[in-house]
Amino acid sequence: MWDAHSSGDVRGDAQEAPQEVTRTPLTAEEELRSRSVFATEIGTQLARQGWAVFPAHTPEERIRLFAVARIIEQRLGRRVEAVPEDICSMRFTVVDAAHEVGPATGASGRLTD
């Protein structure tokens, strides 16, 4: 019977070296393309149901999705809110102008003592 350990074959004794996860940044063109694709996907969901949830596992992905919300706003002509829903996703909603928080009509917007 053949045994790798007694035959002098060292492949059985070799251990895999741990590999570090490295991130490679996107080129400017790749970043624009990914934002455009995300905006189309999220915008379609917003148009269909008024809200969308999209994965965002890293701070970089969250920053990218905030920029995507601005792209969708430009396309829709309406305000789009992007907020973290949980540790790994962002929630997008179309904000109705009538429900935005702001000073009441006729109010000066100043705080009084």
Protein backbone atom coordinates (compact mmCIF):
# COMPACT_ATOMS: atom_id res chain seq x y z
CA MET A 1 0.00 0.00 0.00
CA TRP A 2 1.33 3.41 -0.96
CA ASP A 3 1.49 6.10 1.74
CA ALA A 4 2.32 9.72 0.88
CA HIS A 5 3.90 10.32 4.30
CA SER A 6 6.32 7.37 4.12
CA SER A 7 7.13 7.70 0.42
CA GLY A 8 8.97 10.99 0.84
CA ASP A 9 6.27 12.95 -1.00
CA VAL A 10 6.18 16.32 0.74
CA ARG A 11 2.95 17.48 -0.86
CA GLY A 12 0.96 15.89 1.97
CA ASP A 13 2.94 17.91 4.55
CA ALA A 14 2.70 21.29 2.86
CA GLN A 15 0.34 23.79 4.42
CA GLU A 16 -1.35 26.48 2.47
CA ALA A 17 -0.14 29.95 3.30
CA PRO A 18 -2.97 32.23 4.40
CA GLN A 19 -3.86 34.68 1.72
CA GLU A 20 -4.70 38.23 2.67
CA VAL A 21 -7.71 39.80 1.09
CA THR A 22 -6.63 42.79 -0.93
CA ARG A 23 -8.91 45.33 -2.52
CA THR A 24 -8.13 46.79 -5.84
CA PRO A 25 -9.72 50.16 -6.42
CA LEU A 26 -11.86 50.63 -9.47
CA THR A 27 -10.62 52.78 -12.27
CA ALA A 28 -12.55 56.00 -12.87
CA GLU A 29 -14.30 54.41 -15.85
CA GLU A 30 -15.22 51.28 -13.88
CA GLU A 31 -16.55 53.42 -11.03
CA LEU A 32 -18.79 55.40 -13.41
CA ARG A 33 -20.06 52.22 -15.05
CA SER A 34 -20.81 50.53 -11.74
CA ARG A 35 -22.64 53.61 -10.43
CA SER A 36 -24.69 53.77 -13.63
CA VAL A 37 -25.64 50.09 -13.43
CA PHE A 38 -26.55 50.42 -9.74
CA ALA A 39 -28.60 53.55 -10.46
CA THR A 40 -30.52 51.72 -13.19
CA GLU A 41 -31.19 48.69 -10.98
CA ILE A 42 -32.17 50.70 -7.90
CA GLY A 43 -34.10 53.25 -9.96
CA THR A 44 -36.18 50.46 -11.52
CA GLN A 45 -37.09 49.15 -8.07
CA LEU A 46 -37.91 52.67 -6.86
CA ALA A 47 -40.18 53.28 -9.84
CA ARG A 48 -41.93 49.96 -9.28
CA GLN A 49 -42.45 50.03 -5.50
CA GLY A 50 -41.25 53.38 -4.14
CA TRP A 51 -38.35 51.88 -2.19
CA ALA A 52 -35.36 49.58 -2.71
CA VAL A 53 -32.76 47.81 -0.60
CA PHE A 54 -29.28 47.25 -1.97
CA PRO A 55 -26.26 45.49 -0.39
CA ALA A 56 -23.46 47.63 1.04
CA HIS A 57 -20.90 45.69 3.05
CA THR A 58 -18.09 48.23 3.25
CA PRO A 59 -17.80 51.96 3.87
CA GLU A 60 -16.66 52.36 0.26
CA GLU A 61 -19.83 50.68 -1.00
CA ARG A 62 -21.98 52.94 1.19
CA ILE A 63 -20.22 56.04 -0.15
CA ARG A 64 -20.78 54.76 -3.70
CA LEU A 65 -24.48 54.23 -3.00
CA PHE A 66 -24.90 57.77 -1.63
CA ALA A 67 -23.53 58.98 -4.99
CA VAL A 68 -25.93 56.60 -6.77
CA ALA A 69 -28.84 58.23 -4.91
CA ARG A 70 -27.79 61.60 -6.40
CA ILE A 71 -27.71 60.05 -9.90
CA ILE A 72 -31.22 58.66 -9.41
CA GLU A 73 -32.41 62.06 -8.17
CA GLN A 74 -31.18 63.68 -11.37
CA ARG A 75 -32.92 61.05 -13.49
CA LEU A 76 -36.22 61.19 -11.58
CA GLY A 77 -36.26 64.88 -10.81
CA ARG A 78 -37.29 63.98 -7.24
CA ARG A 79 -35.39 63.69 -3.97
CA VAL A 80 -34.08 60.20 -3.17
CA GLU A 81 -33.02 59.28 0.35
CA ALA A 82 -30.35 56.63 0.97
CA VAL A 83 -29.94 55.43 4.55
CA PRO A 84 -28.25 52.40 6.10
CA GLU A 85 -30.94 49.80 6.77
CA ASP A 86 -28.68 47.44 8.66
CA ILE A 87 -25.01 46.48 8.82
CA CYS A 88 -24.92 45.25 5.24
CA SER A 89 -27.54 47.14 3.22
CA MET A 90 -28.83 50.57 2.24
CA ARG A 91 -32.47 51.53 1.83
CA PHE A 92 -33.52 53.94 -0.91
CA THR A 93 -36.81 55.80 -0.86
CA VAL A 94 -38.34 58.51 -3.01
CA VAL A 95 -39.13 61.45 -0.75
CA ASP A 96 -42.45 63.14 -1.36
CA ALA A 97 -41.96 66.92 -1.30
CA ALA A 98 -45.07 67.31 0.89
CA HIS A 99 -43.51 65.11 3.58
CA GLU A 100 -40.07 66.71 3.75
CA VAL A 101 -39.18 68.24 7.08
CA GLY A 102 -38.64 71.98 7.02
CA PRO A 103 -39.94 75.22 8.46
CA ALA A 104 -43.68 75.74 8.27
CA THR A 105 -45.04 78.01 5.55
CA GLY A 106 -44.58 81.60 6.59
CA ALA A 107 -42.11 80.75 9.34
CA SER A 108 -38.85 82.64 9.37
CA GLY A 109 -36.85 79.50 10.07
CA ARG A 110 -35.22 81.15 13.09
CA LEU A 111 -35.33 79.75 16.58
CA THR A 112 -36.72 82.07 19.25
CA ASP A 113 -35.92 82.08 22.96
